[in-house]
């Protein structure tokens, strides 16, 4: 199967055509490399000197597509040119082939060619001088250096600068991609935090509203209805205030709005009292010392969401909230009666369990939730262990 020849670059075509025309012009006006009276080795003027010129011009077509092939063929053409009267354009085009071989060739060639041409330059300088013992012999090394070593070194310098620029460009693109990934991750983390905060702040109030409105509609008792409407009003006002605060923070692009203080474990008593007002039989046992702020917030939210779920889903019976600090961690356990119900007293989406699990994971803690046997029945148990060491940042 024949391998198709590489298509030459447009600039290389211009170089080849320009070199060929320039060489023909010098040949036409009789301007050769050697003086007319200097004898040549093989060909004495005439058309034979046009053959190396034409071959070198054809090599220019491959200077970018096949640089090593172009250099080897051009070297043979230059050698043949030295056996004729010589053409200056052939020598100039050969220097370009040497430069292109280093610039566009494989990395191995780019490293070896300058060394090889450098050694040839040194040899062409020292050997003729050692043989002939005349200063003019040093000019041979100068010529080899100009024709071979100088363009090879220039090509290596340009290639190194090009590779450095490409490396810098790739590094900049990688940095931009990493920055975009960090930005996306930060946006997703902020959205998840906002979703958890919105759910924890509003779900409790809305669940109480749904449950007490159902009771007010289903019971034909004015006193019970009035009590239920009072609870509904309190929760609706509190939920509306929380929503307004969150909306104000989101709309305040200048950062002038001050967010409300994050809840702490000192507010557990008030949280339990609110759950009791909503109809839960809640017991609280708490024993803890100094707790980092992120752990306090996460623990408060986990208890809050557990009580909200108990209000929506638990069967009748006592709800127990236990917080104990031991072994460098804060253990949280909330249990509620688990029984078969036709339907929850308020609809749920499962977002609360996801939020609690995320809060524990952000603090590198553990979280479990599910039914557990207890005596002759079952309880729904929410358990979390939050390490106290290294708890930094905002777990919301």
Protein backbone atom coordinates (compact mmCIF):
# COMPACT_ATOMS: atom_id res chain seq x y z
CA UNK A 1 0.00 0.00 0.00
CA UNK A 2 1.49 3.29 -1.13
CA UNK A 3 1.99 5.95 1.52
CA UNK A 4 0.68 9.35 0.33
CA UNK A 5 3.20 12.14 0.25
CA UNK A 6 2.63 14.82 2.90
CA UNK A 7 1.07 17.98 1.58
CA UNK A 8 3.51 20.90 1.77
CA UNK A 9 2.68 23.98 3.78
CA UNK A 10 1.78 27.08 1.77
CA UNK A 11 4.70 29.06 3.19
CA UNK A 12 7.08 26.23 2.25
CA UNK A 13 5.84 26.41 -1.35
CA UNK A 14 6.61 30.11 -1.39
CA UNK A 15 10.11 29.45 0.00
CA UNK A 16 10.78 26.74 -2.58
CA UNK A 17 9.57 28.80 -5.55
CA UNK A 18 11.39 31.92 -4.33
CA UNK A 19 14.64 29.99 -3.80
CA UNK A 20 14.46 28.35 -7.20
CA UNK A 21 13.77 31.64 -8.98
CA UNK A 22 16.53 33.40 -7.02
CA UNK A 23 19.02 30.65 -7.90
CA UNK A 24 18.10 30.84 -11.57
CA UNK A 25 18.56 34.61 -11.47
CA UNK A 26 22.08 34.27 -10.02
CA UNK A 27 22.89 31.59 -12.59
CA UNK A 28 21.57 33.79 -15.40
CA UNK A 29 23.76 36.72 -14.46
CA UNK A 30 26.76 34.46 -13.91
CA UNK A 31 27.13 35.07 -10.17
CA UNK A 32 28.53 31.81 -8.76
CA UNK A 33 30.03 30.90 -5.39
CA UNK A 34 33.52 30.36 -6.85
CA UNK A 35 35.34 32.78 -9.09
CA UNK A 36 35.22 31.91 -12.77
CA UNK A 37 38.97 31.22 -12.91
CA UNK A 38 38.93 28.79 -9.94
CA UNK A 39 38.92 25.14 -10.99
CA UNK A 40 36.12 22.85 -9.73
CA UNK A 41 36.27 19.21 -8.84
CA UNK A 42 33.76 17.70 -11.24
CA UNK A 43 31.47 20.04 -13.16
CA UNK A 44 32.71 23.20 -14.76
CA UNK A 45 29.73 25.60 -14.80
CA UNK A 46 26.75 25.24 -17.08
CA UNK A 47 23.55 23.38 -16.35
CA UNK A 48 24.92 20.77 -13.87
CA UNK A 49 24.88 23.33 -11.06
CA UNK A 50 21.11 23.72 -11.56
CA UNK A 51 20.49 20.12 -10.44
CA UNK A 52 21.51 20.68 -6.77
CA UNK A 53 19.54 23.94 -6.85
CA UNK A 54 16.38 22.19 -8.06
CA UNK A 55 16.77 19.32 -5.58
CA UNK A 56 17.28 21.73 -2.67
CA UNK A 57 14.23 23.74 -3.76
CA UNK A 58 12.18 20.54 -3.78
CA UNK A 59 13.46 19.76 -0.28
CA UNK A 60 12.08 23.10 0.86
CA UNK A 61 8.62 21.73 0.08
CA UNK A 62 9.21 19.11 2.80
CA UNK A 63 10.90 21.36 5.38
CA UNK A 64 7.85 21.18 7.64
CA UNK A 65 6.12 17.96 6.55
CA UNK A 66 9.22 15.69 6.50
CA UNK A 67 12.14 17.71 7.93
CA UNK A 68 14.60 14.82 8.38
CA UNK A 69 14.10 13.56 4.83
CA UNK A 70 14.48 17.10 3.52
CA UNK A 71 17.73 17.62 5.47
CA UNK A 72 19.32 14.33 4.34
CA UNK A 73 18.40 14.97 0.71
CA UNK A 74 19.52 18.58 0.98
CA UNK A 75 22.87 17.46 2.41
CA UNK A 76 23.42 15.27 -0.64
CA UNK A 77 22.42 18.18 -2.90
CA UNK A 78 24.82 20.55 -1.11
CA UNK A 79 27.63 18.04 -1.48
CA UNK A 80 26.92 17.86 -5.22
CA UNK A 81 26.79 21.65 -5.35
CA UNK A 82 30.34 21.85 -3.99
CA UNK A 83 31.48 19.83 -7.03
CA UNK A 84 30.14 22.50 -9.39
CA UNK A 85 30.82 26.19 -9.72
CA UNK A 86 28.29 26.54 -6.86
CA UNK A 87 25.13 28.56 -6.30
CA UNK A 88 24.73 30.85 -3.31
CA UNK A 89 20.96 30.25 -3.10
CA UNK A 90 21.54 26.51 -2.71
CA UNK A 91 23.68 27.19 0.36
CA UNK A 92 21.11 29.61 1.79
CA UNK A 93 18.27 27.14 1.29
CA UNK A 94 20.35 24.42 2.96
CA UNK A 95 20.74 26.57 6.06
CA UNK A 96 16.95 26.86 6.14
CA UNK A 97 16.63 23.06 5.87
CA UNK A 98 18.99 22.70 8.82
CA UNK A 99 16.97 25.23 10.83
CA UNK A 100 13.64 23.53 9.94
CA UNK A 101 14.96 20.06 10.81
CA UNK A 102 15.65 21.19 14.37
CA UNK A 103 12.51 23.31 14.71
CA UNK A 104 9.95 20.91 13.20
CA UNK A 105 11.68 17.56 13.55
CA UNK A 106 11.27 14.97 16.32
CA UNK A 107 12.62 15.87 19.77
CA UNK A 108 15.49 13.40 19.39
CA UNK A 109 16.64 15.06 16.16
CA UNK A 110 16.30 18.50 17.71
CA UNK A 111 18.72 17.44 20.46
CA UNK A 112 21.23 15.60 18.29
CA UNK A 113 21.60 17.84 15.24
CA UNK A 114 23.13 20.85 17.11
CA UNK A 115 25.65 18.51 18.78
CA UNK A 116 26.56 16.86 15.49
CA UNK A 117 26.94 20.15 13.65
CA UNK A 118 28.93 21.58 16.55
CA UNK A 119 31.37 18.66 16.44
CA UNK A 120 31.66 18.98 12.65
CA UNK A 121 32.41 22.69 13.04
CA UNK A 122 35.17 21.99 15.54
CA UNK A 123 36.59 19.24 13.35
CA UNK A 124 36.43 21.44 10.23
CA UNK A 125 38.33 24.12 12.14
CA UNK A 126 41.08 22.05 13.72
CA UNK A 127 41.82 19.35 11.13
CA UNK A 128 42.53 21.62 8.11
CA UNK A 129 44.65 23.93 10.27
CA UNK A 130 46.62 20.97 11.61
CA UNK A 131 47.21 19.67 8.07
CA UNK A 132 47.98 22.90 6.19
CA UNK A 133 49.30 25.09 9.04
CA UNK A 134 47.93 28.27 7.47
CA UNK A 135 45.44 30.69 9.05
CA UNK A 136 43.21 30.53 5.98
CA UNK A 137 42.41 26.92 6.86
CA UNK A 138 40.37 28.17 9.80
CA UNK A 139 37.87 29.65 7.36
CA UNK A 140 36.66 26.16 6.53
CA UNK A 141 35.41 25.74 10.09
CA UNK A 142 33.85 29.19 9.96
CA UNK A 143 31.96 28.24 6.80
CA UNK A 144 30.72 24.97 8.31
CA UNK A 145 29.62 26.81 11.44
CA UNK A 146 27.69 29.40 9.41
CA UNK A 147 26.05 26.82 7.14
CA UNK A 148 25.32 24.07 9.70
CA UNK A 149 25.88 24.91 13.38
CA UNK A 150 24.41 28.44 13.41
CA UNK A 151 21.02 27.54 11.85
CA UNK A 152 20.81 24.37 13.98
CA UNK A 153 21.44 26.36 17.16
CA UNK A 154 18.94 29.02 16.10
CA UNK A 155 16.33 26.34 15.45
CA UNK A 156 16.95 24.83 18.89
CA UNK A 157 16.57 28.21 20.60
CA UNK A 158 13.34 28.97 18.74
CA UNK A 159 12.01 25.49 19.47
CA UNK A 160 12.74 25.82 23.18
CA UNK A 161 10.94 29.16 23.29
CA UNK A 162 8.02 27.69 21.37
CA UNK A 163 7.79 24.68 23.70
CA UNK A 164 7.99 26.95 26.73
CA UNK A 165 5.18 29.10 25.36
CA UNK A 166 3.08 26.00 24.64
CA UNK A 167 3.73 24.70 28.14
CA UNK A 168 2.70 28.04 29.60
CA UNK A 169 -0.45 28.04 27.48
CA UNK A 170 -1.38 24.51 28.58
CA UNK A 171 -0.67 25.44 32.19
CA UNK A 172 -2.90 28.50 31.85
CA UNK A 173 -5.68 26.39 30.33
CA UNK A 174 -5.31 23.84 33.12
CA UNK A 175 -5.43 26.61 35.71
CA UNK A 176 -8.56 28.01 34.07
CA UNK A 177 -10.18 24.56 34.07
CA UNK A 178 -9.28 24.04 37.73
CA UNK A 179 -10.63 27.49 38.58
CA UNK A 180 -13.86 26.71 36.74
CA UNK A 181 -14.11 23.36 38.52
CA UNK A 182 -13.55 25.09 41.87
CA UNK A 183 -16.15 27.69 40.99
CA UNK A 184 -18.67 25.03 40.00
CA UNK A 185 -17.94 23.06 43.15
CA UNK A 186 -18.34 26.19 45.26
CA UNK A 187 -21.64 27.05 43.57
CA UNK A 188 -22.95 23.51 44.06
CA UNK A 189 -21.82 23.50 47.69
CA UNK A 190 -23.52 26.86 48.28
CA UNK A 191 -26.73 25.65 46.63
CA UNK A 192 -26.69 22.52 48.79
CA UNK A 193 -26.09 24.65 51.90
CA UNK A 194 -28.96 26.97 50.98
CA UNK A 195 -31.24 23.99 50.35
CA UNK A 196 -30.41 22.49 53.75
CA UNK A 197 -30.85 25.80 55.54
CA UNK A 198 -34.13 26.58 53.79
CA UNK A 199 -35.50 23.13 54.52
CA UNK A 200 -34.47 23.17 58.17
CA UNK A 201 -35.83 26.66 58.80
CA UNK A 202 -39.18 26.37 57.05
CA UNK A 203 -40.09 22.67 57.07
CA UNK A 204 -40.71 22.59 60.80
CA UNK A 205 -43.14 25.51 60.67
CA UNK A 206 -44.95 24.24 57.57
CA UNK A 207 -45.30 20.75 59.02
CA UNK A 208 -46.87 22.15 62.18
CA UNK A 209 -49.22 24.28 60.06
CA UNK A 210 -50.29 21.28 57.97
CA UNK A 211 -50.89 19.05 60.98
CA UNK A 212 -52.85 21.59 63.06
CA UNK A 213 -54.89 22.75 60.08
CA UNK A 214 -55.90 19.13 59.51
CA UNK A 215 -56.89 18.84 63.17
CA UNK A 216 -58.87 22.10 63.00
CA UNK A 217 -60.78 20.87 59.95
CA UNK A 218 -61.45 17.36 61.23
CA UNK A 219 -62.55 18.13 64.82
CA UNK A 220 -65.85 19.84 65.53
CA UNK A 221 -64.61 21.43 68.74
CA UNK A 222 -64.34 25.23 68.90
CA UNK A 223 -61.74 25.19 71.68
CA UNK A 224 -59.51 22.70 69.83
CA UNK A 225 -59.93 24.61 66.57
CA UNK A 226 -59.02 27.89 68.26
CA UNK A 227 -55.91 26.32 69.82
CA UNK A 228 -54.93 24.83 66.46
CA UNK A 229 -55.42 28.18 64.72
CA UNK A 230 -53.20 29.82 67.32
CA UNK A 231 -50.42 27.33 66.65
CA UNK A 232 -50.91 27.80 62.90
CA UNK A 233 -50.61 31.56 63.25
CA UNK A 234 -47.44 31.33 65.35
CA UNK A 235 -45.75 28.97 62.93
CA UNK A 236 -46.85 30.90 59.86
CA UNK A 237 -45.51 34.17 61.29
CA UNK A 238 -42.22 32.54 62.29
CA UNK A 239 -41.88 30.79 58.93
CA UNK A 240 -42.63 34.00 57.05
CA UNK A 241 -40.00 35.85 59.06
CA UNK A 242 -37.41 33.18 58.28
CA UNK A 243 -38.30 33.30 54.58
CA UNK A 244 -38.00 37.08 54.49
CA UNK A 245 -34.61 36.90 56.18
CA UNK A 246 -33.31 34.34 53.69
CA UNK A 247 -34.65 36.28 50.71
CA UNK A 248 -33.07 39.48 52.05
CA UNK A 249 -29.68 37.77 52.37
CA UNK A 250 -29.94 36.32 48.85
CA UNK A 251 -30.90 39.65 47.30
CA UNK A 252 -28.25 41.63 49.16
CA UNK A 253 -25.40 41.46 46.62
CA UNK A 254 -23.42 44.09 48.48
CA UNK A 255 -23.23 42.05 51.66
CA UNK A 256 -24.82 44.77 53.80
CA UNK A 257 -27.46 42.49 55.32
CA UNK A 258 -26.43 40.84 58.52
CA UNK A 259 -27.41 37.17 58.72
CA UNK A 260 -29.12 36.01 61.87
CA UNK A 261 -26.98 34.36 64.48
CA UNK A 262 -26.61 30.64 63.96
CA UNK A 263 -28.53 28.53 66.50
CA UNK A 264 -26.56 26.83 69.24
CA UNK A 265 -27.16 23.98 71.64
CA UNK A 266 -28.36 26.52 74.18
CA UNK A 267 -31.51 26.76 72.09
CA UNK A 268 -32.37 23.06 72.41
CA UNK A 269 -34.72 23.75 75.34
CA UNK A 270 -36.69 26.25 73.29
CA UNK A 271 -36.70 23.86 70.33
CA UNK A 272 -38.08 21.02 72.48
CA UNK A 273 -40.68 23.34 74.01
CA UNK A 274 -41.81 24.31 70.52
CA UNK A 275 -42.15 20.63 69.59
CA UNK A 276 -44.23 20.04 72.70
CA UNK A 277 -46.45 22.95 71.75
CA UNK A 278 -46.97 21.26 68.39
CA UNK A 279 -48.18 18.11 70.10
CA UNK A 280 -45.10 15.94 70.63
CA UNK A 281 -44.27 14.25 73.90
CA UNK A 282 -40.55 15.08 73.89
CA UNK A 283 -37.94 14.30 76.51
CA UNK A 284 -34.48 15.85 76.48
CA UNK A 285 -31.25 14.55 78.01
CA UNK A 286 -28.14 16.61 77.29
CA UNK A 287 -24.64 16.41 78.72
CA UNK A 288 -21.89 18.29 76.93
CA UNK A 289 -19.17 20.83 77.53
CA UNK A 290 -17.42 23.17 75.14
CA UNK A 291 -18.51 22.35 71.59
CA UNK A 292 -17.17 24.07 68.42
CA UNK A 293 -19.66 26.30 66.63
CA UNK A 294 -19.91 24.14 63.48
CA UNK A 295 -20.73 21.08 65.60
CA UNK A 296 -23.30 23.07 67.58
CA UNK A 297 -25.07 24.18 64.41
CA UNK A 298 -25.04 20.70 62.87
CA UNK A 299 -26.30 19.08 66.08
CA UNK A 300 -29.08 21.66 66.46
CA UNK A 301 -30.22 21.14 62.86
CA UNK A 302 -30.15 17.35 63.19
CA UNK A 303 -32.31 17.48 66.32
CA UNK A 304 -34.61 20.02 64.70
CA UNK A 305 -35.14 17.90 61.59
CA UNK A 306 -35.59 14.74 63.68
CA UNK A 307 -38.35 16.41 65.68
CA UNK A 308 -39.96 17.64 62.46
CA UNK A 309 -39.95 14.11 61.05
CA UNK A 310 -41.36 12.77 64.31
CA UNK A 311 -44.15 15.33 64.11
CA UNK A 312 -44.99 14.22 60.57
CA UNK A 313 -44.44 10.48 60.69
CA UNK A 314 -44.18 9.12 64.26
CA UNK A 315 -46.88 7.10 65.96
CA UNK A 316 -48.24 8.20 69.30
CA UNK A 317 -45.78 7.91 72.14
CA UNK A 318 -42.75 9.57 73.72
CA UNK A 319 -39.90 11.05 71.68
CA UNK A 320 -36.47 10.96 73.29
CA UNK A 321 -33.61 13.36 72.47
CA UNK A 322 -30.20 12.46 73.90
CA UNK A 323 -26.94 14.42 73.43
CA UNK A 324 -23.79 13.11 75.10
CA UNK A 325 -20.21 14.33 74.71
CA UNK A 326 -17.61 11.58 75.07
CA UNK A 327 -14.34 10.39 73.52
CA UNK A 328 -13.82 13.66 71.64
CA UNK A 329 -17.17 13.52 69.86
CA UNK A 330 -20.78 14.57 70.34
CA UNK A 331 -23.27 11.69 70.12
CA UNK A 332 -26.82 12.55 69.07
CA UNK A 333 -29.73 10.14 69.25
CA UNK A 334 -33.39 10.88 68.65
CA UNK A 335 -35.95 8.07 68.91
CA UNK A 336 -39.66 8.18 68.18
CA UNK A 337 -42.39 5.51 68.09
CA UNK A 338 -42.44 3.61 64.82
CA UNK A 339 -45.69 2.05 63.73
CA UNK A 340 -47.87 1.43 60.72
CA UNK A 341 -49.69 4.55 59.60
CA UNK A 342 -52.06 4.94 56.69
CA UNK A 343 -50.31 8.16 55.67
CA UNK A 344 -48.03 10.78 57.25
CA UNK A 345 -49.69 13.72 58.93
CA UNK A 346 -47.73 16.00 56.55
CA UNK A 347 -46.10 15.13 53.22
CA UNK A 348 -42.35 14.55 53.11
CA UNK A 349 -39.74 14.39 50.33
CA UNK A 350 -36.77 12.74 52.03
CA UNK A 351 -34.72 15.94 51.79
CA UNK A 352 -34.44 16.11 55.57
CA UNK A 353 -32.56 12.81 55.83
CA UNK A 354 -30.28 13.88 53.00
CA UNK A 355 -29.54 17.18 54.73
CA UNK A 356 -28.75 15.51 58.06
CA UNK A 357 -26.44 13.01 56.38
CA UNK A 358 -24.66 15.84 54.53
CA UNK A 359 -24.17 17.83 57.74
CA UNK A 360 -22.57 14.86 59.46
CA UNK A 361 -20.38 14.10 56.44
CA UNK A 362 -19.11 17.70 56.26
CA UNK A 363 -17.77 17.28 59.80
CA UNK A 364 -16.40 13.81 58.99
CA UNK A 365 -18.93 12.24 61.32
CA UNK A 366 -21.32 9.33 60.97
CA UNK A 367 -25.09 9.28 60.52
CA UNK A 368 -27.70 6.53 60.53
CA UNK A 369 -31.49 6.58 60.46
CA UNK A 370 -33.93 3.72 60.43
CA UNK A 371 -36.24 1.48 62.46
CA UNK A 372 -34.84 -0.42 65.45
CA UNK A 373 -36.49 -3.06 67.64
CA UNK A 374 -37.32 -1.97 71.18
CA UNK A 375 -39.16 -4.34 73.50
CA UNK A 376 -42.28 -5.58 71.73
CA UNK A 377 -42.27 -2.78 69.20
CA UNK A 378 -40.05 -0.59 67.09
CA UNK A 379 -38.69 2.92 67.24
CA UNK A 380 -37.37 5.16 64.51
CA UNK A 381 -33.85 6.05 65.59
CA UNK A 382 -31.70 8.88 64.25
CA UNK A 383 -28.08 8.60 65.39
CA UNK A 384 -25.14 10.87 64.58
CA UNK A 385 -21.60 11.13 65.89
CA UNK A 386 -19.86 14.46 65.26
CA UNK A 387 -16.11 14.70 66.00
CA UNK A 388 -15.11 17.80 67.97
CA UNK A 389 -11.48 17.93 66.82
CA UNK A 390 -10.82 19.77 63.56
CA UNK A 391 -14.38 21.07 63.23
CA UNK A 392 -13.83 24.25 61.26
CA UNK A 393 -15.78 26.20 58.69
CA UNK A 394 -19.51 26.43 58.15
CA UNK A 395 -21.26 23.05 58.19
CA UNK A 396 -24.51 24.58 57.01
